[in-house]
Amino acid sequence: MKVVNLMERIVEEVLATQWNHLRMPCACDLCKNDVMALALNALPTRYVAHDKGRMIVLVRMMDEQYQADVLREISRAAVIVASKPSH
């Protein structure tokens, strides 16, 4: 397994499931990527190098506070991008 920031995958999954609830004026890939980038910059990185580390992070992700933190940062990022889109 290659070293990856698992937080990137987590944010991508949450963003995909919550996108319709964010009420974004634009659904283009640029806006989605901007939301994802802003959220990732505000969240701690979770690098893993093997499946054991991946499982540990995924188990922590089941914690309600952890999920709330990810959703909070996605929501904040969406507000910023909606008010000043890059295009």
PDB file of N, CA and C in Angstrom:
ATOM      1  N   MET A   1       0.849  -1.187   0.000  1.00  0.00           N
ATOM      2  CA  MET A   1       0.000   0.000   0.000  1.00  0.00           C
ATOM      3  C   MET A   1       0.889   1.243   0.000  1.00  0.00           C
ATOM      4  N   LYS A   2       0.533   2.176  -0.796  1.00  0.00           N
ATOM      5  CA  LYS A   2       1.217   3.457  -0.880  1.00  0.00           C
ATOM      6  C   LYS A   2       0.801   4.331   0.304  1.00  0.00           C
ATOM      7  N   VAL A   3       1.678   5.205   0.746  1.00  0.00           N
ATOM      8  CA  VAL A   3       1.344   6.130   1.828  1.00  0.00           C
ATOM      9  C   VAL A   3       0.287   7.109   1.308  1.00  0.00           C
ATOM     10  N   VAL A   4      -0.825   7.199   2.040  1.00  0.00           N
ATOM     11  CA  VAL A   4      -1.919   8.071   1.620  1.00  0.00           C
ATOM     12  C   VAL A   4      -2.445   8.851   2.819  1.00  0.00           C
ATOM     13  N   ASN A   5      -3.006  10.011   2.535  1.00  0.00           N
ATOM     14  CA  ASN A   5      -3.697  10.794   3.550  1.00  0.00           C
ATOM     15  C   ASN A   5      -5.138  10.312   3.541  1.00  0.00           C
ATOM     16  N   LEU A   6      -5.479   9.470   4.488  1.00  0.00           N
ATOM     17  CA  LEU A   6      -6.808   8.884   4.527  1.00  0.00           C
ATOM     18  C   LEU A   6      -7.883   9.947   4.746  1.00  0.00           C
ATOM     19  N   MET A   7      -7.516  11.066   5.353  1.00  0.00           N
ATOM     20  CA  MET A   7      -8.481  12.139   5.561  1.00  0.00           C
ATOM     21  C   MET A   7      -9.025  12.632   4.218  1.00  0.00           C
ATOM     22  N   GLU A   8      -8.192  12.597   3.190  1.00  0.00           N
ATOM     23  CA  GLU A   8      -8.636  13.033   1.869  1.00  0.00           C
ATOM     24  C   GLU A   8      -9.780  12.146   1.373  1.00  0.00           C
ATOM     25  N   ARG A   9      -9.647  10.862   1.555  1.00  0.00           N
ATOM     26  CA  ARG A   9     -10.703   9.940   1.127  1.00  0.00           C
ATOM     27  C   ARG A   9     -11.959  10.111   1.979  1.00  0.00           C
ATOM     28  N   ILE A  10     -11.762  10.326   3.265  1.00  0.00           N
ATOM     29  CA  ILE A  10     -12.902  10.509   4.168  1.00  0.00           C
ATOM     30  C   ILE A  10     -13.687  11.763   3.779  1.00  0.00           C
ATOM     31  N   VAL A  11     -12.980  12.866   3.578  1.00  0.00           N
ATOM     32  CA  VAL A  11     -13.640  14.121   3.202  1.00  0.00           C
ATOM     33  C   VAL A  11     -14.331  13.975   1.853  1.00  0.00           C
ATOM     34  N   GLU A  12     -13.698  13.310   0.931  1.00  0.00           N
ATOM     35  CA  GLU A  12     -14.289  13.102  -0.395  1.00  0.00           C
ATOM     36  C   GLU A  12     -15.602  12.318  -0.289  1.00  0.00           C
ATOM     37  N   GLU A  13     -15.619  11.290   0.543  1.00  0.00           N
ATOM     38  CA  GLU A  13     -16.832  10.481   0.724  1.00  0.00           C
ATOM     39  C   GLU A  13     -17.945  11.289   1.404  1.00  0.00           C
ATOM     40  N   VAL A  14     -17.590  12.012   2.454  1.00  0.00           N
ATOM     41  CA  VAL A  14     -18.598  12.805   3.170  1.00  0.00           C
ATOM     42  C   VAL A  14     -19.127  13.908   2.266  1.00  0.00           C
ATOM     43  N   LEU A  15     -18.247  14.540   1.532  1.00  0.00           N
ATOM     44  CA  LEU A  15     -18.673  15.598   0.611  1.00  0.00           C
ATOM     45  C   LEU A  15     -19.645  15.055  -0.438  1.00  0.00           C
ATOM     46  N   ALA A  16     -19.366  13.878  -0.957  1.00  0.00           N
ATOM     47  CA  ALA A  16     -20.245  13.273  -1.964  1.00  0.00           C
ATOM     48  C   ALA A  16     -21.629  12.976  -1.394  1.00  0.00           C
ATOM     49  N   THR A  17     -21.675  12.506  -0.154  1.00  0.00           N
ATOM     50  CA  THR A  17     -22.974  12.160   0.432  1.00  0.00           C
ATOM     51  C   THR A  17     -23.739  13.386   0.920  1.00  0.00           C
ATOM     52  N   GLN A  18     -23.033  14.456   1.268  1.00  0.00           N
ATOM     53  CA  GLN A  18     -23.681  15.641   1.832  1.00  0.00           C
ATOM     54  C   GLN A  18     -23.827  16.801   0.851  1.00  0.00           C
ATOM     55  N   TRP A  19     -23.333  16.658  -0.367  1.00  0.00           N
ATOM     56  CA  TRP A  19     -23.292  17.775  -1.317  1.00  0.00           C
ATOM     57  C   TRP A  19     -24.652  18.442  -1.491  1.00  0.00           C
ATOM     58  N   ASN A  20     -25.709  17.666  -1.644  1.00  0.00           N
ATOM     59  CA  ASN A  20     -27.039  18.238  -1.879  1.00  0.00           C
ATOM     60  C   ASN A  20     -27.558  19.024  -0.686  1.00  0.00           C
ATOM     61  N   HIS A  21     -27.041  18.765   0.500  1.00  0.00           N
ATOM     62  CA  HIS A  21     -27.476  19.465   1.704  1.00  0.00           C
ATOM     63  C   HIS A  21     -26.733  20.790   1.919  1.00  0.00           C
ATOM     64  N   LEU A  22     -25.673  21.010   1.158  1.00  0.00           N
ATOM     65  CA  LEU A  22     -24.853  22.209   1.352  1.00  0.00           C
ATOM     66  C   LEU A  22     -25.437  23.441   0.666  1.00  0.00           C
ATOM     67  N   ARG A  23     -26.375  23.242  -0.216  1.00  0.00           N
ATOM     68  CA  ARG A  23     -27.033  24.348  -0.929  1.00  0.00           C
ATOM     69  C   ARG A  23     -26.038  25.249  -1.660  1.00  0.00           C
ATOM     70  N   MET A  24     -25.125  24.615  -2.362  1.00  0.00           N
ATOM     71  CA  MET A  24     -24.134  25.360  -3.126  1.00  0.00           C
ATOM     72  C   MET A  24     -24.784  25.914  -4.395  1.00  0.00           C
ATOM     73  N   PRO A  25     -24.470  27.159  -4.771  1.00  0.00           N
ATOM     74  CA  PRO A  25     -25.042  27.726  -5.985  1.00  0.00           C
ATOM     75  C   PRO A  25     -24.459  27.103  -7.251  1.00  0.00           C
ATOM     76  N   CYS A  26     -23.339  26.416  -7.118  1.00  0.00           N
ATOM     77  CA  CYS A  26     -22.671  25.804  -8.264  1.00  0.00           C
ATOM     78  C   CYS A  26     -22.214  24.398  -7.884  1.00  0.00           C
ATOM     79  N   ALA A  27     -22.351  23.472  -8.805  1.00  0.00           N
ATOM     80  CA  ALA A  27     -21.957  22.089  -8.536  1.00  0.00           C
ATOM     81  C   ALA A  27     -20.826  21.636  -9.451  1.00  0.00           C
ATOM     82  N   CYS A  28     -20.067  22.586  -9.969  1.00  0.00           N
ATOM     83  CA  CYS A  28     -18.976  22.216 -10.868  1.00  0.00           C
ATOM     84  C   CYS A  28     -17.827  21.574 -10.083  1.00  0.00           C
ATOM     85  N   ASP A  29     -16.956  20.889 -10.791  1.00  0.00           N
ATOM     86  CA  ASP A  29     -15.827  20.213 -10.157  1.00  0.00           C
ATOM     87  C   ASP A  29     -14.881  21.195  -9.471  1.00  0.00           C
ATOM     88  N   LEU A  30     -14.743  22.383 -10.029  1.00  0.00           N
ATOM     89  CA  LEU A  30     -13.862  23.386  -9.428  1.00  0.00           C
ATOM     90  C   LEU A  30     -14.369  23.784  -8.044  1.00  0.00           C
ATOM     91  N   CYS A  31     -15.647  24.020  -7.914  1.00  0.00           N
ATOM     92  CA  CYS A  31     -16.216  24.389  -6.616  1.00  0.00           C
ATOM     93  C   CYS A  31     -16.121  23.224  -5.628  1.00  0.00           C
ATOM     94  N   LYS A  32     -16.401  22.019  -6.086  1.00  0.00           N
ATOM     95  CA  LYS A  32     -16.279  20.851  -5.220  1.00  0.00           C
ATOM     96  C   LYS A  32     -14.842  20.684  -4.730  1.00  0.00           C
ATOM     97  N   ASN A  33     -13.897  20.847  -5.636  1.00  0.00           N
ATOM     98  CA  ASN A  33     -12.487  20.726  -5.256  1.00  0.00           C
ATOM     99  C   ASN A  33     -12.061  21.829  -4.294  1.00  0.00           C
ATOM    100  N   ASP A  34     -12.588  23.032  -4.489  1.00  0.00           N
ATOM    101  CA  ASP A  34     -12.275  24.130  -3.571  1.00  0.00           C
ATOM    102  C   ASP A  34     -12.802  23.838  -2.166  1.00  0.00           C
ATOM    103  N   VAL A  35     -14.021  23.328  -2.086  1.00  0.00           N
ATOM    104  CA  VAL A  35     -14.592  22.966  -0.782  1.00  0.00           C
ATOM    105  C   VAL A  35     -13.739  21.890  -0.138  1.00  0.00           C
ATOM    106  N   MET A  36     -13.375  20.894  -0.907  1.00  0.00           N
ATOM    107  CA  MET A  36     -12.570  19.795  -0.377  1.00  0.00           C
ATOM    108  C   MET A  36     -11.204  20.295   0.105  1.00  0.00           C
ATOM    109  N   ALA A  37     -10.563  21.144  -0.673  1.00  0.00           N
ATOM    110  CA  ALA A  37      -9.244  21.657  -0.305  1.00  0.00           C
ATOM    111  C   ALA A  37      -9.310  22.499   0.973  1.00  0.00           C
ATOM    112  N   LEU A  38     -10.299  23.369   1.078  1.00  0.00           N
ATOM    113  CA  LEU A  38     -10.437  24.194   2.282  1.00  0.00           C
ATOM    114  C   LEU A  38     -10.714  23.334   3.512  1.00  0.00           C
ATOM    115  N   ALA A  39     -11.568  22.347   3.367  1.00  0.00           N
ATOM    116  CA  ALA A  39     -11.874  21.463   4.487  1.00  0.00           C
ATOM    117  C   ALA A  39     -10.637  20.670   4.904  1.00  0.00           C
ATOM    118  N   LEU A  40      -9.909  20.149   3.939  1.00  0.00           N
ATOM    119  CA  LEU A  40      -8.703  19.368   4.255  1.00  0.00           C
ATOM    120  C   LEU A  40      -7.638  20.217   4.937  1.00  0.00           C
ATOM    121  N   ASN A  41      -7.529  21.464   4.552  1.00  0.00           N
ATOM    122  CA  ASN A  41      -6.544  22.339   5.195  1.00  0.00           C
ATOM    123  C   ASN A  41      -6.890  22.614   6.651  1.00  0.00           C
ATOM    124  N   ALA A  42      -8.156  22.512   7.003  1.00  0.00           N
ATOM    125  CA  ALA A  42      -8.581  22.771   8.377  1.00  0.00           C
ATOM    126  C   ALA A  42      -8.602  21.511   9.246  1.00  0.00           C
ATOM    127  N   LEU A  43      -8.517  20.355   8.625  1.00  0.00           N
ATOM    128  CA  LEU A  43      -8.575  19.088   9.363  1.00  0.00           C
ATOM    129  C   LEU A  43      -7.180  18.487   9.515  1.00  0.00           C
ATOM    130  N   PRO A  44      -6.988  17.683  10.557  1.00  0.00           N
ATOM    131  CA  PRO A  44      -5.676  17.036  10.725  1.00  0.00           C
ATOM    132  C   PRO A  44      -5.463  15.961   9.663  1.00  0.00           C
ATOM    133  N   THR A  45      -4.241  15.827   9.219  1.00  0.00           N
ATOM    134  CA  THR A  45      -3.931  14.782   8.241  1.00  0.00           C
ATOM    135  C   THR A  45      -3.921  13.431   8.942  1.00  0.00           C
ATOM    136  N   ARG A  46      -4.208  12.413   8.189  1.00  0.00           N
ATOM    137  CA  ARG A  46      -4.219  11.046   8.714  1.00  0.00           C
ATOM    138  C   ARG A  46      -3.512  10.143   7.704  1.00  0.00           C
ATOM    139  N   TYR A  47      -2.167  10.225   7.709  1.00  0.00           N
ATOM    140  CA  TYR A  47      -1.395   9.410   6.792  1.00  0.00           C
ATOM    141  C   TYR A  47      -1.321   7.981   7.295  1.00  0.00           C
ATOM    142  N   VAL A  48      -1.491   7.044   6.372  1.00  0.00           N
ATOM    143  CA  VAL A  48      -1.364   5.628   6.698  1.00  0.00           C
ATOM    144  C   VAL A  48      -0.470   4.973   5.652  1.00  0.00           C
ATOM    145  N   ALA A  49       0.242   3.938   6.089  1.00  0.00           N
ATOM    146  CA  ALA A  49       1.163   3.247   5.192  1.00  0.00           C
ATOM    147  C   ALA A  49       0.794   1.784   4.999  1.00  0.00           C
ATOM    148  N   HIS A  50      -0.168   1.311   5.774  1.00  0.00           N
ATOM    149  CA  HIS A  50      -0.571  -0.092   5.633  1.00  0.00           C
ATOM    150  C   HIS A  50      -2.014  -0.258   6.109  1.00  0.00           C
ATOM    151  N   ASP A  51      -2.547  -1.426   5.886  1.00  0.00           N
ATOM    152  CA  ASP A  51      -3.967  -1.672   6.199  1.00  0.00           C
ATOM    153  C   ASP A  51      -4.276  -1.552   7.685  1.00  0.00           C
ATOM    154  N   LYS A  52      -3.320  -1.881   8.553  1.00  0.00           N
ATOM    155  CA  LYS A  52      -3.559  -1.761   9.995  1.00  0.00           C
ATOM    156  C   LYS A  52      -3.819  -0.295  10.370  1.00  0.00           C
ATOM    157  N   GLY A  53      -3.004   0.600   9.849  1.00  0.00           N
ATOM    158  CA  GLY A  53      -3.198   2.024  10.103  1.00  0.00           C
ATOM    159  C   GLY A  53      -4.509   2.517   9.528  1.00  0.00           C
ATOM    160  N   ARG A  54      -4.861   1.992   8.374  1.00  0.00           N
ATOM    161  CA  ARG A  54      -6.126   2.369   7.736  1.00  0.00           C
ATOM    162  C   ARG A  54      -7.304   1.972   8.618  1.00  0.00           C
ATOM    163  N   MET A  55      -7.249   0.798   9.165  1.00  0.00           N
ATOM    164  CA  MET A  55      -8.337   0.322  10.021  1.00  0.00           C
ATOM    165  C   MET A  55      -8.449   1.157  11.293  1.00  0.00           C
ATOM    166  N   ILE A  56      -7.320   1.554  11.857  1.00  0.00           N
ATOM    167  CA  ILE A  56      -7.340   2.374  13.067  1.00  0.00           C
ATOM    168  C   ILE A  56      -8.030   3.707  12.792  1.00  0.00           C
ATOM    169  N   VAL A  57      -7.683   4.341  11.689  1.00  0.00           N
ATOM    170  CA  VAL A  57      -8.298   5.627  11.341  1.00  0.00           C
ATOM    171  C   VAL A  57      -9.788   5.442  11.068  1.00  0.00           C
ATOM    172  N   LEU A  58     -10.156   4.393  10.374  1.00  0.00           N
ATOM    173  CA  LEU A  58     -11.564   4.167  10.068  1.00  0.00           C
ATOM    174  C   LEU A  58     -12.377   3.882  11.324  1.00  0.00           C
ATOM    175  N   VAL A  59     -11.790   3.199  12.287  1.00  0.00           N
ATOM    176  CA  VAL A  59     -12.479   2.959  13.560  1.00  0.00           C
ATOM    177  C   VAL A  59     -12.681   4.285  14.287  1.00  0.00           C
ATOM    178  N   ARG A  60     -11.670   5.148  14.290  1.00  0.00           N
ATOM    179  CA  ARG A  60     -11.804   6.467  14.915  1.00  0.00           C
ATOM    180  C   ARG A  60     -12.872   7.295  14.220  1.00  0.00           C
ATOM    181  N   MET A  61     -13.011   7.113  12.905  1.00  0.00           N
ATOM    182  CA  MET A  61     -13.995   7.861  12.136  1.00  0.00           C
ATOM    183  C   MET A  61     -15.412   7.507  12.563  1.00  0.00           C
ATOM    184  N   MET A  62     -15.598   6.378  13.190  1.00  0.00           N
ATOM    185  CA  MET A  62     -16.927   5.981  13.649  1.00  0.00           C
ATOM    186  C   MET A  62     -17.372   6.809  14.851  1.00  0.00           C
ATOM    187  N   ASP A  63     -16.437   7.486  15.506  1.00  0.00           N
ATOM    188  CA  ASP A  63     -16.767   8.357  16.639  1.00  0.00           C
ATOM    189  C   ASP A  63     -17.592   9.538  16.139  1.00  0.00           C
ATOM    190  N   GLU A  64     -18.671   9.832  16.831  1.00  0.00           N
ATOM    191  CA  GLU A  64     -19.582  10.904  16.404  1.00  0.00           C
ATOM    192  C   GLU A  64     -18.898  12.269  16.367  1.00  0.00           C
ATOM    193  N   GLN A  65     -18.014  12.539  17.310  1.00  0.00           N
ATOM    194  CA  GLN A  65     -17.332  13.836  17.333  1.00  0.00           C
ATOM    195  C   GLN A  65     -16.420  13.980  16.118  1.00  0.00           C
ATOM    196  N   TYR A  66     -15.753  12.916  15.751  1.00  0.00           N
ATOM    197  CA  TYR A  66     -14.868  12.914  14.582  1.00  0.00           C
ATOM    198  C   TYR A  66     -15.682  13.213  13.323  1.00  0.00           C
ATOM    199  N   GLN A  67     -16.829  12.555  13.186  1.00  0.00           N
ATOM    200  CA  GLN A  67     -17.694  12.782  12.036  1.00  0.00           C
ATOM    201  C   GLN A  67     -18.216  14.218  12.026  1.00  0.00           C
ATOM    202  N   ALA A  68     -18.558  14.722  13.195  1.00  0.00           N
ATOM    203  CA  ALA A  68     -19.059  16.096  13.302  1.00  0.00           C
ATOM    204  C   ALA A  68     -17.980  17.097  12.904  1.00  0.00           C
ATOM    205  N   ASP A  69     -16.737  16.828  13.287  1.00  0.00           N
ATOM    206  CA  ASP A  69     -15.634  17.722  12.928  1.00  0.00           C
ATOM    207  C   ASP A  69     -15.453  17.789  11.411  1.00  0.00           C
ATOM    208  N   VAL A  70     -15.515  16.643  10.761  1.00  0.00           N
ATOM    209  CA  VAL A  70     -15.370  16.605   9.302  1.00  0.00           C
ATOM    210  C   VAL A  70     -16.523  17.363   8.641  1.00  0.00           C
ATOM    211  N   LEU A  71     -17.730  17.100   9.074  1.00  0.00           N
ATOM    212  CA  LEU A  71     -18.892  17.768   8.489  1.00  0.00           C
ATOM    213  C   LEU A  71     -18.876  19.271   8.758  1.00  0.00           C
ATOM    214  N   ARG A  72     -18.421  19.673   9.944  1.00  0.00           N
ATOM    215  CA  ARG A  72     -18.329  21.100  10.270  1.00  0.00           C
ATOM    216  C   ARG A  72     -17.374  21.812   9.320  1.00  0.00           C
ATOM    217  N   GLU A  73     -16.218  21.213   9.069  1.00  0.00           N
ATOM    218  CA  GLU A  73     -15.232  21.859   8.195  1.00  0.00           C
ATOM    219  C   GLU A  73     -15.693  21.884   6.744  1.00  0.00           C
ATOM    220  N   ILE A  74     -16.402  20.861   6.319  1.00  0.00           N
ATOM    221  CA  ILE A  74     -16.964  20.866   4.964  1.00  0.00           C
ATOM    222  C   ILE A  74     -18.004  21.978   4.854  1.00  0.00           C
ATOM    223  N   SER A  75     -18.834  22.123   5.859  1.00  0.00           N
ATOM    224  CA  SER A  75     -19.866  23.178   5.855  1.00  0.00           C
ATOM    225  C   SER A  75     -19.240  24.563   5.842  1.00  0.00           C
ATOM    226  N   ARG A  76     -18.208  24.756   6.647  1.00  0.00           N
ATOM    227  CA  ARG A  76     -17.521  26.063   6.649  1.00  0.00           C
ATOM    228  C   ARG A  76     -16.912  26.358   5.288  1.00  0.00           C
ATOM    229  N   ALA A  77     -16.273  25.366   4.717  1.00  0.00           N
ATOM    230  CA  ALA A  77     -15.648  25.542   3.406  1.00  0.00           C
ATOM    231  C   ALA A  77     -16.695  25.850   2.342  1.00  0.00           C
ATOM    232  N   ALA A  78     -17.839  25.204   2.425  1.00  0.00           N
ATOM    233  CA  ALA A  78     -18.913  25.445   1.450  1.00  0.00           C
ATOM    234  C   ALA A  78     -19.415  26.879   1.513  1.00  0.00           C
ATOM    235  N   VAL A  79     -19.520  27.426   2.712  1.00  0.00           N
ATOM    236  CA  VAL A  79     -19.964  28.815   2.870  1.00  0.00           C
ATOM    237  C   VAL A  79     -18.955  29.754   2.199  1.00  0.00           C
ATOM    238  N   ILE A  80     -17.690  29.498   2.411  1.00  0.00           N
ATOM    239  CA  ILE A  80     -16.641  30.346   1.829  1.00  0.00           C
ATOM    240  C   ILE A  80     -16.677  30.274   0.303  1.00  0.00           C
ATOM    241  N   VAL A  81     -16.714  29.056  -0.224  1.00  0.00           N
ATOM    242  CA  VAL A  81     -16.705  28.883  -1.675  1.00  0.00           C
ATOM    243  C   VAL A  81     -17.987  29.452  -2.301  1.00  0.00           C
ATOM    244  N   ALA A  82     -19.118  29.263  -1.652  1.00  0.00           N
ATOM    245  CA  ALA A  82     -20.375  29.794  -2.187  1.00  0.00           C
ATOM    246  C   ALA A  82     -20.357  31.316  -2.250  1.00  0.00           C
ATOM    247  N   SER A  83     -19.701  31.954  -1.284  1.00  0.00           N
ATOM    248  CA  SER A  83     -19.677  33.419  -1.276  1.00  0.00           C
ATOM    249  C   SER A  83     -18.654  33.991  -2.238  1.00  0.00           C
ATOM    250  N   LYS A  84     -17.602  33.224  -2.552  1.00  0.00           N
ATOM    251  CA  LYS A  84     -16.568  33.695  -3.478  1.00  0.00           C
ATOM    252  C   LYS A  84     -16.084  32.539  -4.351  1.00  0.00           C
ATOM    253  N   PRO A  85     -16.873  32.112  -5.324  1.00  0.00           N
ATOM    254  CA  PRO A  85     -16.429  31.019  -6.189  1.00  0.00           C
ATOM    255  C   PRO A  85     -15.210  31.442  -7.013  1.00  0.00           C
ATOM    256  N   SER A  86     -14.388  30.484  -7.392  1.00  0.00           N
ATOM    257  CA  SER A  86     -13.152  30.754  -8.137  1.00  0.00           C
ATOM    258  C   SER A  86     -13.401  31.109  -9.597  1.00  0.00           C
ATOM    259  N   HIS A  87     -14.608  30.892 -10.062  1.00  0.00           N
ATOM    260  CA  HIS A  87     -14.878  31.149 -11.487  1.00  0.00           C
ATOM    261  C   HIS A  87     -15.919  32.226 -11.689  1.00  0.00           C
TER     262      HIS A  87
END
